[in-house]
Amino acid sequence: MFYDFFDFQRRQWDTWLGLARQTGALPPLVAAQAELIRRSIGSSRHDAMTLEDAVRHDLAAPVEIQELASPSAFTRLLGFRRGRGQPRVLYVAPYSGYATSVSSALVASLGDVIVTDWVDARNVPLSDGPFGLDQQVRLVAGLVAGMDSSPILVGLSQSGPAVLAGCLLAHSRGCALPAGIILLGSPVDTRGSAGSIQLWLDMLPKGALENQVVATVSDRFPGAGRKVYPGLCQLMAYAAANPAGYFQTQAGLWGELMSGVSGPYERMHDDMHRLIDVPGELFCDMISRVLRRSELACGTMRVDGVTIDLRQLADVPLLTVEARMDELVGKGQTHALHELAATAERHDPARVRLDIDGGHEALFVGPDFVRDVAPTLQAFIAAIHPS
């Protein structure tokens, strides 16, 4: 009911605004406010910037982009290459409610890279089956196995657990361990300091949130009948966790619309509202298995009969990045990987921890990312794969 109601409201607003523009009935102040609402709740996803366009914009340099064969209906697989060699970095983008293109600055900083560009789950037919955490882990394992050389794996936020479990699942099948792992603001060990979302979860009965926010895709879309976590809910969660940042962006765009001059808030607002629906199984698995039970840290995660033991990564170079004011992932949850992936016999590989100012989005966009994160990523990758 929620999904159908909001979809109806969004289409009604688009229709009204279109008619008003045709009749020229909107004074400047009202026009700016109407456009702000359209960009916030309207069907702006139809003309949203693609990952390819966003990377070209952020890179401002020639890049060869190739769409690769994808192993799943839930993702497009894109290769970005600036050099002559094959990509040796695999970036598993988060499937968390935002389009992969919002992390285009991160993609642009990784050099030659293969990226999972997740498909809006509302457009994936039921016949393509479910997509939970196990399916995401299997997908990562298959991508690792298919690369020409042992890759450097990059995970952001929600995708971190799948990156770790996927490379170890591939290793159990005979693949080499990754050349390195980079995690940015990922919930690896949630038993310690909790983020605001986790604190909220702790106040709710188990299953209550899942029952409230998981919706059924309406008949208007190819994925009709599929259970999803609507992208709108992710936006609402972000706005609740960081209301000051959300309203600052809204006010900034309104000012730009009033002046008629595009500025930084237009891109920020576009990124904030570039939403996609997430498979309901994946959302529920992340809540129950990663946030509530912390299966990775406890050593209880099993996929296809394989126990995911992070100690097997003891000799793998690691880079973890945390934001001091992260609204979503608690302090130390990502850095905990260094202790979990360690044994008394390890050979002390390169281990780097970076803490930056700002909130969760500073891990992949904005001045803090450009100044602090991107150079660290590039130095870490260059140390493993010198150009």
Protein backbone atom coordinates (compact mmCIF):
# COMPACT_ATOMS: atom_id res chain seq x y z
CA MET A 1 0.00 0.00 0.00
CA PHE A 2 2.80 2.45 0.92
CA TYR A 3 4.66 1.74 -2.30
CA ASP A 4 1.58 2.24 -4.50
CA PHE A 5 0.50 5.38 -2.62
CA PHE A 6 3.85 7.12 -2.96
CA ASP A 7 4.20 6.11 -6.60
CA PHE A 8 0.74 7.59 -7.25
CA GLN A 9 1.61 10.85 -5.47
CA ARG A 10 4.85 11.15 -7.41
CA ARG A 11 3.11 10.70 -10.77
CA GLN A 12 0.36 13.17 -9.80
CA TRP A 13 2.94 15.80 -8.92
CA ASP A 14 4.79 15.30 -12.20
CA THR A 15 1.54 15.66 -14.12
CA TRP A 16 0.50 18.83 -12.27
CA LEU A 17 3.88 20.47 -12.65
CA GLY A 18 4.01 19.64 -16.34
CA LEU A 19 0.61 21.25 -16.94
CA ALA A 20 1.50 24.31 -14.89
CA ARG A 21 4.68 24.83 -16.90
CA GLN A 22 2.77 24.57 -20.18
CA THR A 23 0.33 27.29 -19.13
CA GLY A 24 3.08 29.50 -17.71
CA ALA A 25 1.06 29.86 -14.51
CA LEU A 26 3.90 29.71 -12.01
CA PRO A 27 5.54 32.89 -10.66
CA PRO A 28 9.32 32.60 -9.99
CA LEU A 29 9.01 31.92 -6.26
CA VAL A 30 6.40 29.20 -6.73
CA ALA A 31 8.26 27.77 -9.72
CA ALA A 32 11.43 27.37 -7.68
CA GLN A 33 9.54 25.70 -4.83
CA ALA A 34 7.68 23.41 -7.24
CA GLU A 35 10.91 22.37 -8.94
CA LEU A 36 12.49 21.67 -5.56
CA ILE A 37 9.59 19.39 -4.68
CA ARG A 38 9.77 17.69 -8.06
CA ARG A 39 13.45 16.93 -7.59
CA SER A 40 12.80 15.69 -4.07
CA ILE A 41 9.78 13.44 -4.63
CA GLY A 42 9.10 13.53 -8.36
CA SER A 43 10.07 10.89 -10.89
CA SER A 44 13.51 12.42 -11.36
CA ARG A 45 15.05 8.95 -11.59
CA HIS A 46 14.02 8.77 -15.24
CA ASP A 47 16.61 11.39 -16.23
CA ALA A 48 19.18 10.67 -13.52
CA MET A 49 22.87 10.81 -14.35
CA THR A 50 24.30 7.40 -15.25
CA LEU A 51 27.45 6.06 -13.67
CA GLU A 52 29.29 6.46 -16.98
CA ASP A 53 28.33 10.13 -17.30
CA ALA A 54 29.09 10.85 -13.65
CA VAL A 55 32.59 9.34 -13.89
CA ARG A 56 33.34 11.24 -17.09
CA HIS A 57 32.26 14.44 -15.34
CA ASP A 58 34.32 13.79 -12.21
CA LEU A 59 37.39 12.49 -14.03
CA ALA A 60 37.61 15.25 -16.66
CA ALA A 61 40.06 13.04 -18.57
CA PRO A 62 39.77 10.42 -21.32
CA VAL A 63 38.49 7.07 -20.05
CA GLU A 64 37.50 3.90 -21.88
CA ILE A 65 34.25 2.47 -20.55
CA GLN A 66 33.08 -1.02 -21.40
CA GLU A 67 29.94 -2.81 -20.30
CA LEU A 68 30.98 -6.35 -19.39
CA ALA A 69 28.92 -9.51 -19.23
CA SER A 70 27.14 -9.53 -15.90
CA PRO A 71 26.52 -12.73 -13.93
CA SER A 72 23.27 -11.41 -12.47
CA ALA A 73 20.13 -9.57 -13.54
CA PHE A 74 20.61 -7.38 -10.46
CA THR A 75 23.75 -5.66 -11.69
CA ARG A 76 25.42 -4.12 -14.67
CA LEU A 77 29.16 -4.68 -14.76
CA LEU A 78 31.25 -1.78 -16.05
CA GLY A 79 34.97 -1.57 -16.73
CA PHE A 80 36.74 1.81 -16.57
CA ARG A 81 40.20 1.89 -18.08
CA ARG A 82 42.64 4.75 -18.51
CA GLY A 83 45.80 2.74 -19.10
CA ARG A 84 46.67 -0.10 -21.43
CA GLY A 85 46.51 -2.94 -18.94
CA GLN A 86 43.48 -4.78 -17.61
CA PRO A 87 41.69 -3.45 -14.52
CA ARG A 88 43.16 -4.86 -11.33
CA VAL A 89 40.73 -3.20 -8.93
CA LEU A 90 37.18 -4.46 -8.29
CA TYR A 91 34.83 -2.00 -6.63
CA VAL A 92 31.73 -3.65 -5.20
CA ALA A 93 29.39 -0.72 -4.79
CA PRO A 94 26.86 -0.73 -1.95
CA TYR A 95 23.38 -2.01 -2.81
CA SER A 96 21.76 0.11 -0.15
CA GLY A 97 19.18 2.39 -1.75
CA TYR A 98 21.40 4.79 -3.67
CA ALA A 99 22.44 4.46 -7.30
CA THR A 100 26.10 3.55 -7.82
CA SER A 101 26.61 6.84 -9.65
CA VAL A 102 26.57 8.78 -6.36
CA SER A 103 30.03 7.30 -5.66
CA SER A 104 31.43 8.34 -9.05
CA ALA A 105 34.22 10.39 -7.43
CA LEU A 106 35.37 7.23 -5.69
CA VAL A 107 35.24 5.28 -8.96
CA ALA A 108 37.25 8.02 -10.69
CA SER A 109 39.95 7.81 -8.01
CA LEU A 110 40.51 4.06 -8.38
CA GLY A 111 42.21 4.10 -11.80
CA ASP A 112 41.51 1.03 -13.93
CA VAL A 113 38.56 -0.55 -12.17
CA ILE A 114 35.59 -2.88 -12.61
CA VAL A 115 32.41 -1.69 -10.90
CA THR A 116 29.11 -3.31 -9.95
CA ASP A 117 26.41 -0.89 -11.05
CA TRP A 118 23.32 -2.20 -9.25
CA VAL A 119 19.99 -2.35 -11.06
CA ASP A 120 16.88 -0.85 -9.47
CA ALA A 121 15.23 -3.95 -7.99
CA ARG A 122 11.78 -2.72 -9.04
CA ASN A 123 12.88 -3.43 -12.62
CA VAL A 124 14.05 -7.02 -12.01
CA PRO A 125 11.29 -9.57 -12.77
CA LEU A 126 10.31 -12.08 -10.11
CA SER A 127 11.44 -14.84 -12.48
CA ASP A 128 15.05 -13.82 -11.80
CA GLY A 129 14.68 -15.10 -8.25
CA PRO A 130 15.66 -13.61 -4.90
CA PHE A 131 18.82 -11.65 -4.11
CA GLY A 132 19.96 -11.84 -0.50
CA LEU A 133 23.35 -11.61 1.19
CA ASP A 134 24.35 -15.13 0.09
CA GLN A 135 23.63 -14.22 -3.54
CA GLN A 136 25.67 -11.03 -3.21
CA VAL A 137 28.58 -12.99 -1.71
CA ARG A 138 28.39 -15.57 -4.52
CA LEU A 139 28.37 -12.79 -7.08
CA VAL A 140 31.53 -11.25 -5.60
CA ALA A 141 33.20 -14.66 -5.49
CA GLY A 142 32.42 -15.19 -9.16
CA LEU A 143 33.77 -11.78 -10.12
CA VAL A 144 37.00 -12.42 -8.20
CA ALA A 145 37.41 -15.78 -9.92
CA GLY A 146 36.84 -14.19 -13.33
CA MET A 147 39.54 -11.52 -13.08
CA ASP A 148 42.86 -11.97 -14.88
CA SER A 149 44.95 -11.45 -11.75
CA SER A 150 44.42 -11.26 -8.01
CA PRO A 151 42.52 -7.97 -7.62
CA ILE A 152 42.46 -5.25 -5.04
CA LEU A 153 38.91 -5.30 -3.67
CA VAL A 154 37.10 -2.13 -2.62
CA GLY A 155 33.94 -2.08 -0.51
CA LEU A 156 31.93 0.92 0.63
CA SER A 157 29.38 0.85 3.43
CA GLN A 158 26.90 -2.01 2.89
CA SER A 159 29.13 -3.90 0.44
CA GLY A 160 32.02 -4.44 2.88
CA PRO A 161 30.73 -7.72 4.35
CA ALA A 162 30.06 -9.12 0.85
CA VAL A 163 33.58 -8.16 -0.26
CA LEU A 164 35.16 -10.01 2.66
CA ALA A 165 32.94 -13.06 2.46
CA GLY A 166 33.09 -13.18 -1.34
CA CYS A 167 36.87 -13.23 -1.58
CA LEU A 168 37.08 -15.96 1.07
CA LEU A 169 34.40 -18.01 -0.67
CA ALA A 170 36.41 -17.71 -3.89
CA HIS A 171 39.55 -18.70 -1.97
CA SER A 172 37.82 -21.85 -0.71
CA ARG A 173 37.30 -22.77 -4.37
CA GLY A 174 40.95 -22.42 -5.30
CA CYS A 175 41.35 -18.71 -6.09
CA ALA A 176 44.23 -16.72 -4.66
CA LEU A 177 43.54 -14.27 -1.87
CA PRO A 178 43.09 -10.67 -3.04
CA ALA A 179 46.15 -8.51 -3.55
CA GLY A 180 44.64 -6.02 -1.12
CA ILE A 181 41.35 -4.94 0.46
CA ILE A 182 40.01 -1.42 0.94
CA LEU A 183 36.93 -0.86 3.10
CA LEU A 184 35.32 2.53 3.65
CA GLY A 185 32.75 2.90 6.43
CA SER A 186 31.66 -0.74 6.41
CA PRO A 187 29.95 -2.56 9.30
CA VAL A 188 32.44 -5.38 9.90
CA ASP A 189 32.09 -5.69 13.68
CA THR A 190 28.90 -4.17 15.05
CA ARG A 191 29.31 -5.46 18.60
CA GLY A 192 31.05 -2.32 19.86
CA SER A 193 30.18 1.28 19.17
CA ALA A 194 26.85 1.49 17.37
CA GLY A 195 25.82 3.97 14.69
CA SER A 196 22.57 5.90 14.94
CA ILE A 197 20.71 3.43 12.71
CA GLN A 198 21.85 0.52 14.86
CA LEU A 199 20.82 2.31 18.04
CA TRP A 200 17.38 2.74 16.51
CA LEU A 201 17.28 -0.96 15.64
CA ASP A 202 18.15 -1.89 19.20
CA MET A 203 15.00 -0.13 20.40
CA LEU A 204 12.73 -2.12 18.08
CA PRO A 205 11.57 -5.73 18.37
CA LYS A 206 13.31 -8.09 15.97
CA GLY A 207 11.63 -8.04 12.59
CA ALA A 208 9.63 -4.88 13.32
CA LEU A 209 11.61 -2.61 10.98
CA GLU A 210 11.68 -5.17 8.19
CA ASN A 211 7.91 -5.59 8.37
CA GLN A 212 7.35 -1.84 8.30
CA VAL A 213 9.61 -0.80 5.41
CA VAL A 214 9.71 -3.77 3.04
CA ALA A 215 7.14 -3.10 0.31
CA THR A 216 5.79 -4.87 -2.77
CA VAL A 217 6.55 -3.44 -6.22
CA SER A 218 3.41 -2.32 -8.02
CA ASP A 219 2.18 -3.69 -11.34
CA ARG A 220 3.53 -0.69 -13.26
CA PHE A 221 7.10 -2.01 -13.10
CA PRO A 222 8.87 -5.09 -14.52
CA GLY A 223 9.54 -6.32 -10.98
CA ALA A 224 5.85 -6.37 -10.05
CA GLY A 225 5.29 -8.47 -6.94
CA ARG A 226 8.93 -8.34 -5.80
CA LYS A 227 9.57 -7.45 -2.16
CA VAL A 228 11.90 -4.44 -1.93
CA TYR A 229 13.34 -1.93 0.48
CA PRO A 230 12.28 1.31 -1.30
CA GLY A 231 14.98 3.83 -2.01
CA LEU A 232 12.73 6.45 -0.43
CA CYS A 233 13.25 4.72 2.93
CA GLN A 234 17.01 5.08 2.56
CA LEU A 235 16.57 8.80 1.92
CA MET A 236 14.34 9.09 4.99
CA ALA A 237 16.91 7.24 7.08
CA TYR A 238 19.65 9.59 5.92
CA ALA A 239 17.52 12.67 6.57
CA ALA A 240 16.66 11.40 10.08
CA ALA A 241 20.31 10.64 10.87
CA ASN A 242 21.64 13.94 9.45
CA PRO A 243 18.76 16.45 9.37
CA ALA A 244 21.06 19.49 9.30
CA GLY A 245 22.89 18.24 6.21
CA TYR A 246 19.66 17.31 4.46
CA PHE A 247 17.94 20.65 5.02
CA GLN A 248 21.10 22.57 4.15
CA THR A 249 21.15 20.85 0.78
CA GLN A 250 17.44 21.55 0.25
CA ALA A 251 17.90 25.22 1.12
CA GLY A 252 21.01 25.49 -1.03
CA LEU A 253 19.25 24.12 -4.11
CA TRP A 254 16.24 26.39 -3.51
CA GLY A 255 18.58 29.39 -3.52
CA GLU A 256 20.20 28.24 -6.76
CA LEU A 257 16.79 27.74 -8.37
CA MET A 258 15.72 31.21 -7.30
CA SER A 259 18.86 32.77 -8.76
CA GLY A 260 18.65 30.75 -11.95
CA VAL A 261 22.35 29.84 -11.66
CA SER A 262 23.47 26.23 -11.19
CA GLY A 263 25.88 25.62 -8.33
CA PRO A 264 27.27 22.84 -6.13
CA TYR A 265 23.95 22.18 -4.41
CA GLU A 266 22.35 21.00 -7.64
CA ARG A 267 24.76 18.05 -7.86
CA MET A 268 24.56 17.41 -4.11
CA HIS A 269 20.77 17.35 -4.22
CA ASP A 270 20.75 15.14 -7.30
CA ASP A 271 23.09 12.66 -5.61
CA MET A 272 21.02 12.66 -2.43
CA HIS A 273 17.86 11.78 -4.38
CA ARG A 274 19.35 9.34 -6.88
CA LEU A 275 17.57 6.38 -5.36
CA ILE A 276 16.99 2.75 -6.30
CA ASP A 277 15.00 0.00 -4.63
CA VAL A 278 16.92 -2.80 -2.91
CA PRO A 279 15.90 -6.48 -2.93
CA GLY A 280 13.98 -7.10 0.27
CA GLU A 281 15.98 -10.25 1.04
CA LEU A 282 19.25 -8.33 0.96
CA PHE A 283 17.95 -5.58 3.23
CA CYS A 284 16.61 -8.09 5.77
CA ASP A 285 19.84 -10.12 5.69
CA MET A 286 21.90 -7.00 6.35
CA ILE A 287 19.73 -6.13 9.34
CA SER A 288 19.63 -9.61 10.86
CA ARG A 289 22.97 -11.14 9.91
CA VAL A 290 25.32 -8.15 9.78
CA LEU A 291 23.93 -5.50 12.13
CA ARG A 292 22.15 -7.65 14.72
CA ARG A 293 24.17 -10.88 14.83
CA SER A 294 27.51 -9.55 13.55
CA GLU A 295 28.18 -12.89 11.85
CA LEU A 296 31.48 -11.80 10.29
CA ALA A 297 33.05 -10.75 13.56
CA CYS A 298 31.69 -13.75 15.44
CA GLY A 299 32.93 -16.21 12.81
CA THR A 300 29.45 -17.66 12.30
CA MET A 301 28.80 -16.58 8.71
CA ARG A 302 28.40 -19.56 6.38
CA VAL A 303 27.81 -19.42 2.63
CA ASP A 304 27.43 -22.58 0.55
CA GLY A 305 28.74 -24.65 3.46
CA VAL A 306 31.89 -22.51 3.82
CA THR A 307 32.59 -20.80 7.14
CA ILE A 308 33.88 -17.28 6.54
CA ASP A 309 37.01 -17.00 8.67
CA LEU A 310 38.55 -13.53 8.50
CA ARG A 311 41.83 -14.84 9.95
CA GLN A 312 42.57 -16.21 6.49
CA LEU A 313 43.19 -12.60 5.44
CA ALA A 314 46.10 -12.28 7.87
CA ASP A 315 48.66 -11.76 5.09
CA VAL A 316 46.53 -9.48 2.91
CA PRO A 317 47.30 -5.72 2.86
CA LEU A 318 44.36 -3.79 4.30
CA LEU A 319 43.22 -0.17 4.19
CA THR A 320 40.24 0.84 6.31
CA VAL A 321 38.72 4.32 6.32
CA GLU A 322 36.26 5.71 8.87
CA ALA A 323 34.51 9.08 9.18
CA ARG A 324 34.52 10.54 12.68
CA MET A 325 30.93 11.80 12.35
CA ASP A 326 29.54 8.82 10.44
CA GLU A 327 25.76 8.75 10.88
CA LEU A 328 25.35 5.14 9.74
CA VAL A 329 28.38 3.10 10.84
CA GLY A 330 29.65 3.19 14.41
CA LYS A 331 33.20 4.13 15.39
CA GLY A 332 35.66 1.26 15.08
CA GLN A 333 33.31 -1.05 13.17
CA THR A 334 35.47 -0.90 10.03
CA HIS A 335 38.90 -0.66 11.66
CA ALA A 336 38.02 -3.82 13.61
CA LEU A 337 38.96 -5.78 10.49
CA HIS A 338 42.64 -5.36 11.35
CA GLU A 339 42.24 -7.32 14.58
CA LEU A 340 39.83 -9.86 13.14
CA ALA A 341 42.13 -10.55 10.17
CA ALA A 342 45.20 -11.31 12.25
CA THR A 343 47.00 -14.34 13.64
CA ALA A 344 50.10 -14.76 15.74
CA GLU A 345 51.94 -16.07 12.68
CA ARG A 346 51.01 -13.33 10.20
CA HIS A 347 53.75 -11.67 8.21
CA ASP A 348 52.76 -8.08 9.06
CA PRO A 349 51.50 -6.96 5.66
CA ALA A 350 50.72 -3.32 4.91
CA ARG A 351 47.95 -2.25 7.28
CA VAL A 352 46.60 1.30 7.07
CA ARG A 353 43.87 3.00 9.11
CA LEU A 354 42.58 6.41 8.10
CA ASP A 355 40.15 8.59 10.05
CA ILE A 356 38.65 11.63 8.37
CA ASP A 357 36.38 14.46 9.41
CA GLY A 358 32.82 14.64 8.20
CA GLY A 359 29.95 12.20 7.93
CA HIS A 360 29.35 9.03 5.95
CA GLU A 361 29.21 10.74 2.55
CA ALA A 362 32.69 12.23 3.08
CA LEU A 363 34.00 8.70 2.52
CA PHE A 364 33.22 8.92 -1.20
CA VAL A 365 32.45 12.52 -2.19
CA GLY A 366 33.26 16.10 -1.26
CA PRO A 367 36.34 18.06 -0.15
CA ASP A 368 37.34 15.67 2.66
CA PHE A 369 37.30 12.79 0.19
CA VAL A 370 39.35 14.70 -2.39
CA ARG A 371 41.89 15.96 0.16
CA ASP A 372 42.32 12.94 2.43
CA VAL A 373 40.73 9.76 1.11
CA ALA A 374 41.51 9.73 -2.62
CA PRO A 375 45.30 10.25 -2.22
CA THR A 376 45.43 7.50 0.40
CA LEU A 377 43.55 5.08 -1.85
CA GLN A 378 45.79 5.86 -4.78
CA ALA A 379 48.97 5.45 -2.73
CA PHE A 380 47.76 2.11 -1.34
CA ILE A 381 46.89 0.80 -4.81
CA ALA A 382 50.19 2.04 -6.29
CA ALA A 383 52.17 0.29 -3.55
CA ILE A 384 50.57 -3.03 -4.54
CA HIS A 385 50.38 -2.49 -8.32
CA PRO A 386 53.09 0.03 -9.30
CA SER A 387 52.34 1.62 -12.67
